[in-house]
Amino acid sequence: MTRIRRSLALLAALLLSGCYQYFPVAPGAIPLEQELRVFLSRRALSELPEGIPTGLNYVGGRLVRATADSLLLQVPVSRTVDGPGARDLR
């Protein structure tokens, strides 16, 4: 019985592990409000404002608008305020 359970657990792990693949798409083919990752060059990453959270080489967010040559993403940003003006709102 233990061997069957192990086999089922292994099979479930393989099936549920989530196979995925990255591929380029045309901007017009992406539906609005879709969560996505946009992979950027090092130069493009270096030109982003400091507060924008990035992965190793991508920015993740929700697609707001797409044109033939650009994408507008809504990127979640959080800030921590430290100092005399910071208040604890608990």
PDB file of N, CA and C in Angstrom:
ATOM      1  N   MET A   1       0.821  -1.194   0.000  1.00  0.00           N
ATOM      2  CA  MET A   1       0.000   0.000   0.000  1.00  0.00           C
ATOM      3  C   MET A   1       0.866   1.259   0.000  1.00  0.00           C
ATOM      4  N   THR A   2       1.968   1.238   0.731  1.00  0.00           N
ATOM      5  CA  THR A   2       2.841   2.400   0.800  1.00  0.00           C
ATOM      6  C   THR A   2       3.441   2.713  -0.569  1.00  0.00           C
ATOM      7  N   ARG A   3       3.766   1.682  -1.323  1.00  0.00           N
ATOM      8  CA  ARG A   3       4.344   1.882  -2.648  1.00  0.00           C
ATOM      9  C   ARG A   3       3.348   2.583  -3.580  1.00  0.00           C
ATOM     10  N   ILE A   4       2.082   2.210  -3.476  1.00  0.00           N
ATOM     11  CA  ILE A   4       1.044   2.838  -4.306  1.00  0.00           C
ATOM     12  C   ILE A   4       0.892   4.307  -3.922  1.00  0.00           C
ATOM     13  N   ARG A   5       0.904   4.601  -2.628  1.00  0.00           N
ATOM     14  CA  ARG A   5       0.788   5.997  -2.186  1.00  0.00           C
ATOM     15  C   ARG A   5       1.960   6.829  -2.675  1.00  0.00           C
ATOM     16  N   ARG A   6       3.161   6.280  -2.582  1.00  0.00           N
ATOM     17  CA  ARG A   6       4.344   7.008  -3.080  1.00  0.00           C
ATOM     18  C   ARG A   6       4.231   7.263  -4.571  1.00  0.00           C
ATOM     19  N   SER A   7       3.791   6.242  -5.309  1.00  0.00           N
ATOM     20  CA  SER A   7       3.632   6.403  -6.756  1.00  0.00           C
ATOM     21  C   SER A   7       2.592   7.466  -7.084  1.00  0.00           C
ATOM     22  N   LEU A   8       1.480   7.458  -6.363  1.00  0.00           N
ATOM     23  CA  LEU A   8       0.447   8.470  -6.584  1.00  0.00           C
ATOM     24  C   LEU A   8       0.948   9.866  -6.214  1.00  0.00           C
ATOM     25  N   ALA A   9       1.705   9.963  -5.126  1.00  0.00           N
ATOM     26  CA  ALA A   9       2.245  11.257  -4.717  1.00  0.00           C
ATOM     27  C   ALA A   9       3.223  11.777  -5.757  1.00  0.00           C
ATOM     28  N   LEU A  10       4.075  10.911  -6.287  1.00  0.00           N
ATOM     29  CA  LEU A  10       5.023  11.315  -7.327  1.00  0.00           C
ATOM     30  C   LEU A  10       4.279  11.749  -8.584  1.00  0.00           C
ATOM     31  N   LEU A  11       3.283  10.987  -8.969  1.00  0.00           N
ATOM     32  CA  LEU A  11       2.493  11.334 -10.152  1.00  0.00           C
ATOM     33  C   LEU A  11       1.788  12.680  -9.967  1.00  0.00           C
ATOM     34  N   ALA A  12       1.202  12.892  -8.793  1.00  0.00           N
ATOM     35  CA  ALA A  12       0.524  14.164  -8.514  1.00  0.00           C
ATOM     36  C   ALA A  12       1.518  15.317  -8.545  1.00  0.00           C
ATOM     37  N   ALA A  13       2.698  15.127  -7.979  1.00  0.00           N
ATOM     38  CA  ALA A  13       3.711  16.181  -7.982  1.00  0.00           C
ATOM     39  C   ALA A  13       4.131  16.530  -9.404  1.00  0.00           C
ATOM     40  N   LEU A  14       4.297  15.526 -10.239  1.00  0.00           N
ATOM     41  CA  LEU A  14       4.689  15.785 -11.632  1.00  0.00           C
ATOM     42  C   LEU A  14       3.587  16.495 -12.410  1.00  0.00           C
ATOM     43  N   LEU A  15       2.346  16.082 -12.197  1.00  0.00           N
ATOM     44  CA  LEU A  15       1.234  16.685 -12.933  1.00  0.00           C
ATOM     45  C   LEU A  15       0.901  18.092 -12.449  1.00  0.00           C
ATOM     46  N   LEU A  16       1.099  18.362 -11.172  1.00  0.00           N
ATOM     47  CA  LEU A  16       0.719  19.645 -10.607  1.00  0.00           C
ATOM     48  C   LEU A  16       1.879  20.638 -10.525  1.00  0.00           C
ATOM     49  N   SER A  17       3.046  20.261 -11.036  1.00  0.00           N
ATOM     50  CA  SER A  17       4.218  21.129 -10.908  1.00  0.00           C
ATOM     51  C   SER A  17       4.141  22.373 -11.782  1.00  0.00           C
ATOM     52  N   GLY A  18       3.277  22.405 -12.751  1.00  0.00           N
ATOM     53  CA  GLY A  18       3.074  23.613 -13.552  1.00  0.00           C
ATOM     54  C   GLY A  18       4.124  23.795 -14.630  1.00  0.00           C
ATOM     55  N   CYS A  19       3.935  23.172 -15.731  1.00  0.00           N
ATOM     56  CA  CYS A  19       4.842  23.365 -16.856  1.00  0.00           C
ATOM     57  C   CYS A  19       4.458  24.667 -17.554  1.00  0.00           C
ATOM     58  N   TYR A  20       5.439  25.473 -17.861  1.00  0.00           N
ATOM     59  CA  TYR A  20       5.178  26.730 -18.545  1.00  0.00           C
ATOM     60  C   TYR A  20       6.344  27.055 -19.455  1.00  0.00           C
ATOM     61  N   GLN A  21       6.105  27.986 -20.343  1.00  0.00           N
ATOM     62  CA  GLN A  21       7.122  28.382 -21.306  1.00  0.00           C
ATOM     63  C   GLN A  21       6.938  29.857 -21.613  1.00  0.00           C
ATOM     64  N   TYR A  22       8.042  30.571 -21.727  1.00  0.00           N
ATOM     65  CA  TYR A  22       7.980  31.978 -22.098  1.00  0.00           C
ATOM     66  C   TYR A  22       8.060  32.094 -23.609  1.00  0.00           C
ATOM     67  N   PHE A  23       7.263  32.991 -24.173  1.00  0.00           N
ATOM     68  CA  PHE A  23       7.305  33.205 -25.607  1.00  0.00           C
ATOM     69  C   PHE A  23       6.901  34.636 -25.907  1.00  0.00           C
ATOM     70  N   PRO A  24       7.484  35.221 -26.953  1.00  0.00           N
ATOM     71  CA  PRO A  24       7.115  36.592 -27.322  1.00  0.00           C
ATOM     72  C   PRO A  24       5.730  36.631 -27.957  1.00  0.00           C
ATOM     73  N   VAL A  25       5.027  37.723 -27.706  1.00  0.00           N
ATOM     74  CA  VAL A  25       3.703  37.913 -28.301  1.00  0.00           C
ATOM     75  C   VAL A  25       3.592  39.337 -28.833  1.00  0.00           C
ATOM     76  N   ALA A  26       2.707  39.525 -29.776  1.00  0.00           N
ATOM     77  CA  ALA A  26       2.431  40.867 -30.285  1.00  0.00           C
ATOM     78  C   ALA A  26       1.619  41.620 -29.228  1.00  0.00           C
ATOM     79  N   PRO A  27       1.911  42.904 -29.002  1.00  0.00           N
ATOM     80  CA  PRO A  27       1.180  43.661 -27.975  1.00  0.00           C
ATOM     81  C   PRO A  27      -0.330  43.620 -28.131  1.00  0.00           C
ATOM     82  N   GLY A  28      -0.842  43.608 -29.339  1.00  0.00           N
ATOM     83  CA  GLY A  28      -2.280  43.584 -29.559  1.00  0.00           C
ATOM     84  C   GLY A  28      -2.940  42.260 -29.202  1.00  0.00           C
ATOM     85  N   ALA A  29      -2.138  41.212 -29.031  1.00  0.00           N
ATOM     86  CA  ALA A  29      -2.683  39.887 -28.719  1.00  0.00           C
ATOM     87  C   ALA A  29      -2.901  39.672 -27.228  1.00  0.00           C
ATOM     88  N   ILE A  30      -2.463  40.610 -26.397  1.00  0.00           N
ATOM     89  CA  ILE A  30      -2.578  40.467 -24.946  1.00  0.00           C
ATOM     90  C   ILE A  30      -3.859  41.159 -24.489  1.00  0.00           C
ATOM     91  N   PRO A  31      -4.744  40.447 -23.786  1.00  0.00           N
ATOM     92  CA  PRO A  31      -5.978  41.098 -23.308  1.00  0.00           C
ATOM     93  C   PRO A  31      -5.677  42.099 -22.194  1.00  0.00           C
ATOM     94  N   LEU A  32      -6.417  43.203 -22.177  1.00  0.00           N
ATOM     95  CA  LEU A  32      -6.253  44.187 -21.110  1.00  0.00           C
ATOM     96  C   LEU A  32      -6.560  43.549 -19.764  1.00  0.00           C
ATOM     97  N   GLU A  33      -5.954  44.070 -18.727  1.00  0.00           N
ATOM     98  CA  GLU A  33      -6.092  43.585 -17.353  1.00  0.00           C
ATOM     99  C   GLU A  33      -5.360  42.272 -17.106  1.00  0.00           C
ATOM    100  N   GLN A  34      -4.624  41.777 -18.092  1.00  0.00           N
ATOM    101  CA  GLN A  34      -3.868  40.532 -17.948  1.00  0.00           C
ATOM    102  C   GLN A  34      -2.625  40.782 -17.103  1.00  0.00           C
ATOM    103  N   GLU A  35      -2.364  39.910 -16.129  1.00  0.00           N
ATOM    104  CA  GLU A  35      -1.124  39.980 -15.355  1.00  0.00           C
ATOM    105  C   GLU A  35      -0.012  39.426 -16.234  1.00  0.00           C
ATOM    106  N   LEU A  36       1.107  40.138 -16.308  1.00  0.00           N
ATOM    107  CA  LEU A  36       2.193  39.661 -17.148  1.00  0.00           C
ATOM    108  C   LEU A  36       3.543  40.148 -16.643  1.00  0.00           C
ATOM    109  N   ARG A  37       4.576  39.553 -17.182  1.00  0.00           N
ATOM    110  CA  ARG A  37       5.957  39.965 -16.925  1.00  0.00           C
ATOM    111  C   ARG A  37       6.546  40.445 -18.237  1.00  0.00           C
ATOM    112  N   VAL A  38       7.197  41.583 -18.193  1.00  0.00           N
ATOM    113  CA  VAL A  38       7.857  42.127 -19.372  1.00  0.00           C
ATOM    114  C   VAL A  38       9.352  42.062 -19.115  1.00  0.00           C
ATOM    115  N   PHE A  39      10.054  41.304 -19.937  1.00  0.00           N
ATOM    116  CA  PHE A  39      11.496  41.169 -19.787  1.00  0.00           C
ATOM    117  C   PHE A  39      12.178  42.338 -20.477  1.00  0.00           C
ATOM    118  N   LEU A  40      13.128  42.947 -19.770  1.00  0.00           N
ATOM    119  CA  LEU A  40      13.787  44.164 -20.238  1.00  0.00           C
ATOM    120  C   LEU A  40      15.290  43.965 -20.355  1.00  0.00           C
ATOM    121  N   SER A  41      15.902  44.810 -21.178  1.00  0.00           N
ATOM    122  CA  SER A  41      17.365  44.807 -21.263  1.00  0.00           C
ATOM    123  C   SER A  41      17.939  45.442 -19.997  1.00  0.00           C
ATOM    124  N   ARG A  42      19.217  45.263 -19.767  1.00  0.00           N
ATOM    125  CA  ARG A  42      19.855  45.885 -18.596  1.00  0.00           C
ATOM    126  C   ARG A  42      19.731  47.400 -18.640  1.00  0.00           C
ATOM    127  N   ARG A  43      19.872  47.960 -19.822  1.00  0.00           N
ATOM    128  CA  ARG A  43      19.766  49.413 -19.962  1.00  0.00           C
ATOM    129  C   ARG A  43      18.363  49.889 -19.585  1.00  0.00           C
ATOM    130  N   ALA A  44      17.348  49.188 -20.085  1.00  0.00           N
ATOM    131  CA  ALA A  44      15.968  49.572 -19.775  1.00  0.00           C
ATOM    132  C   ALA A  44      15.698  49.443 -18.278  1.00  0.00           C
ATOM    133  N   LEU A  45      16.204  48.386 -17.642  1.00  0.00           N
ATOM    134  CA  LEU A  45      16.029  48.231 -16.196  1.00  0.00           C
ATOM    135  C   LEU A  45      16.697  49.367 -15.434  1.00  0.00           C
ATOM    136  N   SER A  46      17.873  49.791 -15.891  1.00  0.00           N
ATOM    137  CA  SER A  46      18.591  50.857 -15.191  1.00  0.00           C
ATOM    138  C   SER A  46      17.896  52.205 -15.317  1.00  0.00           C
ATOM    139  N   GLU A  47      17.038  52.368 -16.317  1.00  0.00           N
ATOM    140  CA  GLU A  47      16.340  53.629 -16.529  1.00  0.00           C
ATOM    141  C   GLU A  47      15.004  53.715 -15.788  1.00  0.00           C
ATOM    142  N   LEU A  48      14.596  52.625 -15.131  1.00  0.00           N
ATOM    143  CA  LEU A  48      13.348  52.657 -14.358  1.00  0.00           C
ATOM    144  C   LEU A  48      13.542  53.473 -13.090  1.00  0.00           C
ATOM    145  N   PRO A  49      12.489  54.138 -12.614  1.00  0.00           N
ATOM    146  CA  PRO A  49      12.587  54.862 -11.338  1.00  0.00           C
ATOM    147  C   PRO A  49      12.930  53.898 -10.199  1.00  0.00           C
ATOM    148  N   GLU A  50      13.538  54.416  -9.162  1.00  0.00           N
ATOM    149  CA  GLU A  50      14.042  53.600  -8.058  1.00  0.00           C
ATOM    150  C   GLU A  50      12.955  52.800  -7.348  1.00  0.00           C
ATOM    151  N   GLY A  51      11.761  53.313  -7.235  1.00  0.00           N
ATOM    152  CA  GLY A  51      10.712  52.651  -6.474  1.00  0.00           C
ATOM    153  C   GLY A  51       9.987  51.521  -7.195  1.00  0.00           C
ATOM    154  N   ILE A  52      10.286  51.302  -8.466  1.00  0.00           N
ATOM    155  CA  ILE A  52       9.603  50.255  -9.233  1.00  0.00           C
ATOM    156  C   ILE A  52      10.230  48.905  -8.898  1.00  0.00           C
ATOM    157  N   PRO A  53       9.443  47.964  -8.372  1.00  0.00           N
ATOM    158  CA  PRO A  53       9.996  46.650  -8.047  1.00  0.00           C
ATOM    159  C   PRO A  53      10.246  45.834  -9.317  1.00  0.00           C
ATOM    160  N   THR A  54      11.416  45.232  -9.387  1.00  0.00           N
ATOM    161  CA  THR A  54      11.770  44.420 -10.548  1.00  0.00           C
ATOM    162  C   THR A  54      12.264  43.059 -10.096  1.00  0.00           C
ATOM    163  N   GLY A  55      12.196  42.101 -10.996  1.00  0.00           N
ATOM    164  CA  GLY A  55      12.829  40.808 -10.785  1.00  0.00           C
ATOM    165  C   GLY A  55      14.259  40.930 -11.267  1.00  0.00           C
ATOM    166  N   LEU A  56      14.862  39.839 -11.633  1.00  0.00           N
ATOM    167  CA  LEU A  56      16.230  39.893 -12.134  1.00  0.00           C
ATOM    168  C   LEU A  56      16.320  40.685 -13.429  1.00  0.00           C
ATOM    169  N   ASN A  57      15.383  40.459 -14.337  1.00  0.00           N
ATOM    170  CA  ASN A  57      15.407  41.166 -15.616  1.00  0.00           C
ATOM    171  C   ASN A  57      14.005  41.438 -16.158  1.00  0.00           C
ATOM    172  N   TYR A  58      13.053  41.604 -15.262  1.00  0.00           N
ATOM    173  CA  TYR A  58      11.686  41.838 -15.717  1.00  0.00           C
ATOM    174  C   TYR A  58      10.940  42.763 -14.754  1.00  0.00           C
ATOM    175  N   VAL A  59       9.824  43.285 -15.267  1.00  0.00           N
ATOM    176  CA  VAL A  59       8.869  44.052 -14.467  1.00  0.00           C
ATOM    177  C   VAL A  59       7.540  43.324 -14.596  1.00  0.00           C
ATOM    178  N   GLY A  60       6.854  43.141 -13.479  1.00  0.00           N
ATOM    179  CA  GLY A  60       5.560  42.470 -13.506  1.00  0.00           C
ATOM    180  C   GLY A  60       4.451  43.446 -13.179  1.00  0.00           C
ATOM    181  N   GLY A  61       3.310  43.255 -13.803  1.00  0.00           N
ATOM    182  CA  GLY A  61       2.179  44.121 -13.532  1.00  0.00           C
ATOM    183  C   GLY A  61       0.975  43.735 -14.350  1.00  0.00           C
ATOM    184  N   ARG A  62      -0.035  44.596 -14.296  1.00  0.00           N
ATOM    185  CA  ARG A  62      -1.285  44.381 -15.028  1.00  0.00           C
ATOM    186  C   ARG A  62      -1.303  45.294 -16.244  1.00  0.00           C
ATOM    187  N   LEU A  63      -1.623  44.725 -17.392  1.00  0.00           N
ATOM    188  CA  LEU A  63      -1.642  45.494 -18.633  1.00  0.00           C
ATOM    189  C   LEU A  63      -2.805  46.475 -18.632  1.00  0.00           C
ATOM    190  N   VAL A  64      -2.487  47.750 -18.832  1.00  0.00           N
ATOM    191  CA  VAL A  64      -3.501  48.809 -18.870  1.00  0.00           C
ATOM    192  C   VAL A  64      -3.762  49.242 -20.301  1.00  0.00           C
ATOM    193  N   ARG A  65      -2.690  49.363 -21.089  1.00  0.00           N
ATOM    194  CA  ARG A  65      -2.836  49.798 -22.484  1.00  0.00           C
ATOM    195  C   ARG A  65      -1.686  49.231 -23.305  1.00  0.00           C
ATOM    196  N   ALA A  66      -1.973  48.883 -24.552  1.00  0.00           N
ATOM    197  CA  ALA A  66      -0.942  48.390 -25.461  1.00  0.00           C
ATOM    198  C   ALA A  66      -1.096  49.080 -26.808  1.00  0.00           C
ATOM    199  N   THR A  67       0.017  49.546 -27.342  1.00  0.00           N
ATOM    200  CA  THR A  67       0.044  50.096 -28.695  1.00  0.00           C
ATOM    201  C   THR A  67       1.043  49.266 -29.494  1.00  0.00           C
ATOM    202  N   ALA A  68       1.254  49.644 -30.745  1.00  0.00           N
ATOM    203  CA  ALA A  68       2.168  48.889 -31.596  1.00  0.00           C
ATOM    204  C   ALA A  68       3.599  48.891 -31.057  1.00  0.00           C
ATOM    205  N   ASP A  69       3.975  49.947 -30.325  1.00  0.00           N
ATOM    206  CA  ASP A  69       5.365  50.034 -29.873  1.00  0.00           C
ATOM    207  C   ASP A  69       5.541  50.216 -28.364  1.00  0.00           C
ATOM    208  N   SER A  70       4.470  50.081 -27.591  1.00  0.00           N
ATOM    209  CA  SER A  70       4.624  50.270 -26.146  1.00  0.00           C
ATOM    210  C   SER A  70       3.555  49.525 -25.357  1.00  0.00           C
ATOM    211  N   LEU A  71       3.889  49.263 -24.098  1.00  0.00           N
ATOM    212  CA  LEU A  71       2.954  48.665 -23.153  1.00  0.00           C
ATOM    213  C   LEU A  71       2.905  49.546 -21.924  1.00  0.00           C
ATOM    214  N   LEU A  72       1.719  49.749 -21.382  1.00  0.00           N
ATOM    215  CA  LEU A  72       1.559  50.484 -20.133  1.00  0.00           C
ATOM    216  C   LEU A  72       1.098  49.488 -19.083  1.00  0.00           C
ATOM    217  N   LEU A  73       1.920  49.308 -18.037  1.00  0.00           N
ATOM    218  CA  LEU A  73       1.617  48.367 -16.971  1.00  0.00           C
ATOM    219  C   LEU A  73       1.266  49.100 -15.697  1.00  0.00           C
ATOM    220  N   GLN A  74       0.346  48.544 -14.953  1.00  0.00           N
ATOM    221  CA  GLN A  74       0.060  49.010 -13.596  1.00  0.00           C
ATOM    222  C   GLN A  74       0.897  48.118 -12.689  1.00  0.00           C
ATOM    223  N   VAL A  75       1.914  48.724 -12.053  1.00  0.00           N
ATOM    224  CA  VAL A  75       2.864  47.975 -11.235  1.00  0.00           C
ATOM    225  C   VAL A  75       2.611  48.294  -9.766  1.00  0.00           C
ATOM    226  N   PRO A  76       2.374  47.270  -8.941  1.00  0.00           N
ATOM    227  CA  PRO A  76       2.168  47.532  -7.513  1.00  0.00           C
ATOM    228  C   PRO A  76       3.456  48.027  -6.857  1.00  0.00           C
ATOM    229  N   VAL A  77       3.346  49.126  -6.136  1.00  0.00           N
ATOM    230  CA  VAL A  77       4.506  49.734  -5.481  1.00  0.00           C
ATOM    231  C   VAL A  77       4.130  50.000  -4.032  1.00  0.00           C
ATOM    232  N   SER A  78       5.028  49.697  -3.133  1.00  0.00           N
ATOM    233  CA  SER A  78       4.795  50.031  -1.726  1.00  0.00           C
ATOM    234  C   SER A  78       5.956  50.866  -1.229  1.00  0.00           C
ATOM    235  N   ARG A  79       5.688  51.706  -0.253  1.00  0.00           N
ATOM    236  CA  ARG A  79       6.711  52.578   0.306  1.00  0.00           C
ATOM    237  C   ARG A  79       6.720  52.450   1.810  1.00  0.00           C
ATOM    238  N   THR A  80       7.914  52.565   2.364  1.00  0.00           N
ATOM    239  CA  THR A  80       8.074  52.607   3.807  1.00  0.00           C
ATOM    240  C   THR A  80       8.536  53.999   4.169  1.00  0.00           C
ATOM    241  N   VAL A  81       7.836  54.618   5.104  1.00  0.00           N
ATOM    242  CA  VAL A  81       8.194  55.962   5.531  1.00  0.00           C
ATOM    243  C   VAL A  81       8.773  55.864   6.934  1.00  0.00           C
ATOM    244  N   ASP A  82      10.016  56.277   7.073  1.00  0.00           N
ATOM    245  CA  ASP A  82      10.678  56.298   8.371  1.00  0.00           C
ATOM    246  C   ASP A  82      11.024  57.734   8.711  1.00  0.00           C
ATOM    247  N   GLY A  83      11.008  58.040   9.967  1.00  0.00           N
ATOM    248  CA  GLY A  83      11.410  59.374  10.380  1.00  0.00           C
ATOM    249  C   GLY A  83      10.398  59.992  11.305  1.00  0.00           C
ATOM    250  N   PRO A  84      10.627  61.257  11.677  1.00  0.00           N
ATOM    251  CA  PRO A  84       9.755  61.909  12.645  1.00  0.00           C
ATOM    252  C   PRO A  84       8.329  62.094  12.153  1.00  0.00           C
ATOM    253  N   GLY A  85       8.103  62.160  10.849  1.00  0.00           N
ATOM    254  CA  GLY A  85       6.758  62.357  10.330  1.00  0.00           C
ATOM    255  C   GLY A  85       5.981  61.063  10.169  1.00  0.00           C
ATOM    256  N   ALA A  86       6.643  59.914  10.354  1.00  0.00           N
ATOM    257  CA  ALA A  86       5.974  58.622  10.179  1.00  0.00           C
ATOM    258  C   ALA A  86       5.115  58.305  11.391  1.00  0.00           C
ATOM    259  N   ARG A  87       3.880  57.869  11.138  1.00  0.00           N
ATOM    260  CA  ARG A  87       2.971  57.519  12.227  1.00  0.00           C
ATOM    261  C   ARG A  87       2.601  56.048  12.131  1.00  0.00           C
ATOM    262  N   ASP A  88       2.409  55.458  13.265  1.00  0.00           N
ATOM    263  CA  ASP A  88       1.941  54.082  13.325  1.00  0.00           C
ATOM    264  C   ASP A  88       0.420  54.125  13.381  1.00  0.00           C
ATOM    265  N   LEU A  89      -0.232  53.554  12.383  1.00  0.00           N
ATOM    266  CA  LEU A  89      -1.688  53.637  12.290  1.00  0.00           C
ATOM    267  C   LEU A  89      -2.389  52.401  12.834  1.00  0.00           C
ATOM    268  N   ARG A  90      -1.720  51.632  13.658  1.00  0.00           N
ATOM    269  CA  ARG A  90      -2.366  50.438  14.228  1.00  0.00           C
ATOM    270  C   ARG A  90      -3.401  50.795  15.229  1.00  0.00           C
TER     271      ARG A  90
END
